Amino acid sequence: MLLCLPSTCLAEGSVSFATIKPILEQSPTLWKHLDKSFTFAGIGEGARLGRHWPFLGGARVAPYSLIVASKDNPKIKFTLVVNCVTKYYTDRGEQVSKEAADFIQKAAKTEEILLNVSLRPIDREPDALK
């Protein structure tokens, strides 16, 4: 998948569950229910920032997707999608506006704030993708 937005270009890249878990834990109630209900694949996918990002090229950002299996019946699997608000900062910790002309050149750090999650059965494609 390739996603192009004004001034950015993203492709998919692998990301460990260890990277995704702290984001899910931002909502303790949500994490409790997910952890109680599912086992999580060790590797998922995230949007990969391109090489044109001087400091963040190759970094992964939301949305993340990960295969999860029901603890009640491991044959029942879903794709868990984790959406976040991503904030960008300079190497000195100053927030960088996504509207700034030099946004990509200045962004050196990210902060991701959990927005929502969704589950999709992996045996069904969304109608929009058919």
C-alpha atoms as a PDB file:
ATOM      1  CA  MET A   1       0.000   0.000   0.000  1.00  0.00           C
ATOM      2  CA  LEU A   2       1.264   3.473  -0.856  1.00  0.00           C
ATOM      3  CA  LEU A   3      -0.365   6.532   0.695  1.00  0.00           C
ATOM      4  CA  CYS A   4       0.567   9.981  -0.555  1.00  0.00           C
ATOM      5  CA  LEU A   5      -0.543  13.108   1.220  1.00  0.00           C
ATOM      6  CA  PRO A   6       0.525  16.703   0.605  1.00  0.00           C
ATOM      7  CA  SER A   7       4.267  16.887   1.344  1.00  0.00           C
ATOM      8  CA  THR A   8       4.439  13.279   2.576  1.00  0.00           C
ATOM      9  CA  CYS A   9       4.673   9.829   1.091  1.00  0.00           C
ATOM     10  CA  LEU A  10       4.109   6.673   3.116  1.00  0.00           C
ATOM     11  CA  ALA A  11       4.458   2.978   2.358  1.00  0.00           C
ATOM     12  CA  GLU A  12       4.033  -0.050   4.607  1.00  0.00           C
ATOM     13  CA  GLY A  13       6.858  -1.415   6.718  1.00  0.00           C
ATOM     14  CA  SER A  14       7.138  -4.055   9.416  1.00  0.00           C
ATOM     15  CA  VAL A  15       6.868  -3.066  13.055  1.00  0.00           C
ATOM     16  CA  SER A  16       7.118  -5.169  16.208  1.00  0.00           C
ATOM     17  CA  PHE A  17       4.230  -5.656  18.584  1.00  0.00           C
ATOM     18  CA  ALA A  18       6.520  -4.175  21.262  1.00  0.00           C
ATOM     19  CA  THR A  19       6.205  -0.851  19.401  1.00  0.00           C
ATOM     20  CA  ILE A  20       2.405  -1.039  19.142  1.00  0.00           C
ATOM     21  CA  LYS A  21       1.658  -2.276  22.672  1.00  0.00           C
ATOM     22  CA  PRO A  22       2.548   0.966  24.546  1.00  0.00           C
ATOM     23  CA  ILE A  23       0.177   2.857  22.251  1.00  0.00           C
ATOM     24  CA  LEU A  24      -2.657   0.446  23.100  1.00  0.00           C
ATOM     25  CA  GLU A  25      -1.784   0.763  26.793  1.00  0.00           C
ATOM     26  CA  GLN A  26      -2.522   4.508  26.627  1.00  0.00           C
ATOM     27  CA  SER A  27      -6.110   3.372  27.204  1.00  0.00           C
ATOM     28  CA  PRO A  28      -5.875   0.932  30.136  1.00  0.00           C
ATOM     29  CA  THR A  29      -9.507  -0.177  29.811  1.00  0.00           C
ATOM     30  CA  LEU A  30      -9.166  -0.891  26.093  1.00  0.00           C
ATOM     31  CA  TRP A  31      -5.842  -2.685  26.607  1.00  0.00           C
ATOM     32  CA  LYS A  32      -7.338  -4.844  29.397  1.00  0.00           C
ATOM     33  CA  HIS A  33     -10.122  -6.052  27.104  1.00  0.00           C
ATOM     34  CA  LEU A  34      -7.871  -6.603  24.096  1.00  0.00           C
ATOM     35  CA  ASP A  35      -5.303  -8.505  26.152  1.00  0.00           C
ATOM     36  CA  LYS A  36      -8.033 -10.635  27.750  1.00  0.00           C
ATOM     37  CA  SER A  37      -9.609 -11.472  24.375  1.00  0.00           C
ATOM     38  CA  PHE A  38      -6.734 -11.868  21.900  1.00  0.00           C
ATOM     39  CA  THR A  39      -3.252 -13.154  21.294  1.00  0.00           C
ATOM     40  CA  PHE A  40      -1.137 -10.808  19.198  1.00  0.00           C
ATOM     41  CA  ALA A  41       1.209 -11.524  16.316  1.00  0.00           C
ATOM     42  CA  GLY A  42       4.783 -10.499  17.054  1.00  0.00           C
ATOM     43  CA  ILE A  43       5.088  -8.420  13.882  1.00  0.00           C
ATOM     44  CA  GLY A  44       2.624  -6.035  12.256  1.00  0.00           C
ATOM     45  CA  GLU A  45       2.743  -3.232   9.738  1.00  0.00           C
ATOM     46  CA  GLY A  46       2.899   0.518   9.992  1.00  0.00           C
ATOM     47  CA  ALA A  47       3.196   3.419   7.617  1.00  0.00           C
ATOM     48  CA  ARG A  48       6.871   3.844   6.673  1.00  0.00           C
ATOM     49  CA  LEU A  49       8.179   7.359   6.210  1.00  0.00           C
ATOM     50  CA  GLY A  50      10.219   7.736   3.011  1.00  0.00           C
ATOM     51  CA  ARG A  51      13.897   8.533   2.551  1.00  0.00           C
ATOM     52  CA  HIS A  52      13.125  12.171   1.841  1.00  0.00           C
ATOM     53  CA  TRP A  53      12.599  12.663   5.595  1.00  0.00           C
ATOM     54  CA  PRO A  54      16.146  13.615   6.726  1.00  0.00           C
ATOM     55  CA  PHE A  55      15.692  12.546  10.360  1.00  0.00           C
ATOM     56  CA  LEU A  56      12.705  10.171  10.223  1.00  0.00           C
ATOM     57  CA  GLY A  57      13.260   8.323   6.941  1.00  0.00           C
ATOM     58  CA  GLY A  58      12.412   4.661   7.509  1.00  0.00           C
ATOM     59  CA  ALA A  59      10.505   5.343  10.739  1.00  0.00           C
ATOM     60  CA  ARG A  60       7.099   3.737  11.230  1.00  0.00           C
ATOM     61  CA  VAL A  61       3.993   5.688  12.188  1.00  0.00           C
ATOM     62  CA  ALA A  62       0.286   4.914  12.525  1.00  0.00           C
ATOM     63  CA  PRO A  63      -1.909   3.507  11.237  1.00  0.00           C
ATOM     64  CA  TYR A  64      -0.608   0.143  12.418  1.00  0.00           C
ATOM     65  CA  SER A  65      -2.162  -3.206  11.578  1.00  0.00           C
ATOM     66  CA  LEU A  66      -1.598  -6.505  13.317  1.00  0.00           C
ATOM     67  CA  ILE A  67      -3.128  -9.983  13.170  1.00  0.00           C
ATOM     68  CA  VAL A  68      -4.840 -11.041  16.398  1.00  0.00           C
ATOM     69  CA  ALA A  69      -6.408 -14.399  17.266  1.00  0.00           C
ATOM     70  CA  SER A  70      -9.280 -15.057  19.623  1.00  0.00           C
ATOM     71  CA  LYS A  71      -8.169 -16.673  22.884  1.00  0.00           C
ATOM     72  CA  ASP A  72     -11.458 -18.618  22.888  1.00  0.00           C
ATOM     73  CA  ASN A  73     -10.811 -20.061  19.424  1.00  0.00           C
ATOM     74  CA  PRO A  74      -7.372 -19.370  17.894  1.00  0.00           C
ATOM     75  CA  LYS A  75      -8.720 -20.206  14.435  1.00  0.00           C
ATOM     76  CA  ILE A  76     -10.769 -17.004  14.565  1.00  0.00           C
ATOM     77  CA  LYS A  77      -8.462 -14.197  13.456  1.00  0.00           C
ATOM     78  CA  PHE A  78      -8.841 -10.492  12.863  1.00  0.00           C
ATOM     79  CA  THR A  79      -6.791  -7.594  11.617  1.00  0.00           C
ATOM     80  CA  LEU A  80      -6.468  -5.051  14.415  1.00  0.00           C
ATOM     81  CA  VAL A  81      -5.931  -1.519  13.068  1.00  0.00           C
ATOM     82  CA  VAL A  82      -4.548   1.107  15.459  1.00  0.00           C
ATOM     83  CA  ASN A  83      -5.089   4.752  14.503  1.00  0.00           C
ATOM     84  CA  CYS A  84      -3.258   7.598  16.198  1.00  0.00           C
ATOM     85  CA  VAL A  85      -2.785  11.315  16.118  1.00  0.00           C
ATOM     86  CA  THR A  86       0.896  11.720  15.252  1.00  0.00           C
ATOM     87  CA  LYS A  87       2.708  14.824  16.454  1.00  0.00           C
ATOM     88  CA  TYR A  88       6.116  15.776  15.080  1.00  0.00           C
ATOM     89  CA  TYR A  89       8.936  17.543  16.934  1.00  0.00           C
ATOM     90  CA  THR A  90      12.364  18.973  16.139  1.00  0.00           C
ATOM     91  CA  ASP A  91      15.440  17.428  17.717  1.00  0.00           C
ATOM     92  CA  ARG A  92      15.131  20.170  20.379  1.00  0.00           C
ATOM     93  CA  GLY A  93      11.586  19.112  21.286  1.00  0.00           C
ATOM     94  CA  GLU A  94       9.703  21.938  19.549  1.00  0.00           C
ATOM     95  CA  GLN A  95       6.467  20.819  17.894  1.00  0.00           C
ATOM     96  CA  VAL A  96       6.503  21.162  14.099  1.00  0.00           C
ATOM     97  CA  SER A  97       3.296  22.160  12.321  1.00  0.00           C
ATOM     98  CA  LYS A  98       2.320  19.813   9.488  1.00  0.00           C
ATOM     99  CA  GLU A  99       1.407  22.931   7.506  1.00  0.00           C
ATOM    100  CA  ALA A 100       4.926  24.381   7.701  1.00  0.00           C
ATOM    101  CA  ALA A 101       6.776  24.441   4.362  1.00  0.00           C
ATOM    102  CA  ASP A 102       9.848  22.815   5.941  1.00  0.00           C
ATOM    103  CA  PHE A 103       7.877  20.297   8.044  1.00  0.00           C
ATOM    104  CA  ILE A 104       9.643  17.208   6.643  1.00  0.00           C
ATOM    105  CA  GLN A 105      13.107  18.765   6.977  1.00  0.00           C
ATOM    106  CA  LYS A 106      12.588  19.734  10.638  1.00  0.00           C
ATOM    107  CA  ALA A 107      10.694  16.719  12.010  1.00  0.00           C
ATOM    108  CA  ALA A 108      13.091  14.566  14.040  1.00  0.00           C
ATOM    109  CA  LYS A 109      10.862  12.904  16.661  1.00  0.00           C
ATOM    110  CA  THR A 110       7.286  11.683  16.835  1.00  0.00           C
ATOM    111  CA  GLU A 111       4.665  11.268  19.522  1.00  0.00           C
ATOM    112  CA  GLU A 112       1.642   9.070  18.856  1.00  0.00           C
ATOM    113  CA  ILE A 113      -1.599   9.453  20.745  1.00  0.00           C
ATOM    114  CA  LEU A 114      -4.137   6.622  20.475  1.00  0.00           C
ATOM    115  CA  LEU A 115      -7.215   7.704  18.560  1.00  0.00           C
ATOM    116  CA  ASN A 116      -9.109   4.443  17.984  1.00  0.00           C
ATOM    117  CA  VAL A 117      -8.827   0.793  17.009  1.00  0.00           C
ATOM    118  CA  SER A 118     -10.869  -1.354  14.674  1.00  0.00           C
ATOM    119  CA  LEU A 119     -11.184  -5.076  14.060  1.00  0.00           C
ATOM    120  CA  ARG A 120     -11.788  -6.687  10.679  1.00  0.00           C
ATOM    121  CA  PRO A 121     -12.227 -10.433  10.092  1.00  0.00           C
ATOM    122  CA  ILE A 122      -9.296 -11.512   7.926  1.00  0.00           C
ATOM    123  CA  ASP A 123     -11.479 -13.817   5.866  1.00  0.00           C
ATOM    124  CA  ARG A 124     -13.407 -10.846   4.436  1.00  0.00           C
ATOM    125  CA  GLU A 125     -12.175  -7.980   2.321  1.00  0.00           C
ATOM    126  CA  PRO A 126     -13.772  -4.585   2.804  1.00  0.00           C
ATOM    127  CA  ASP A 127     -16.114  -3.829  -0.096  1.00  0.00           C
ATOM    128  CA  ALA A 128     -14.018  -0.793  -1.013  1.00  0.00           C
ATOM    129  CA  LEU A 129     -11.018  -3.027  -1.766  1.00  0.00           C
ATOM    130  CA  LYS A 130     -12.841  -5.437  -4.116  1.00  0.00           C
END
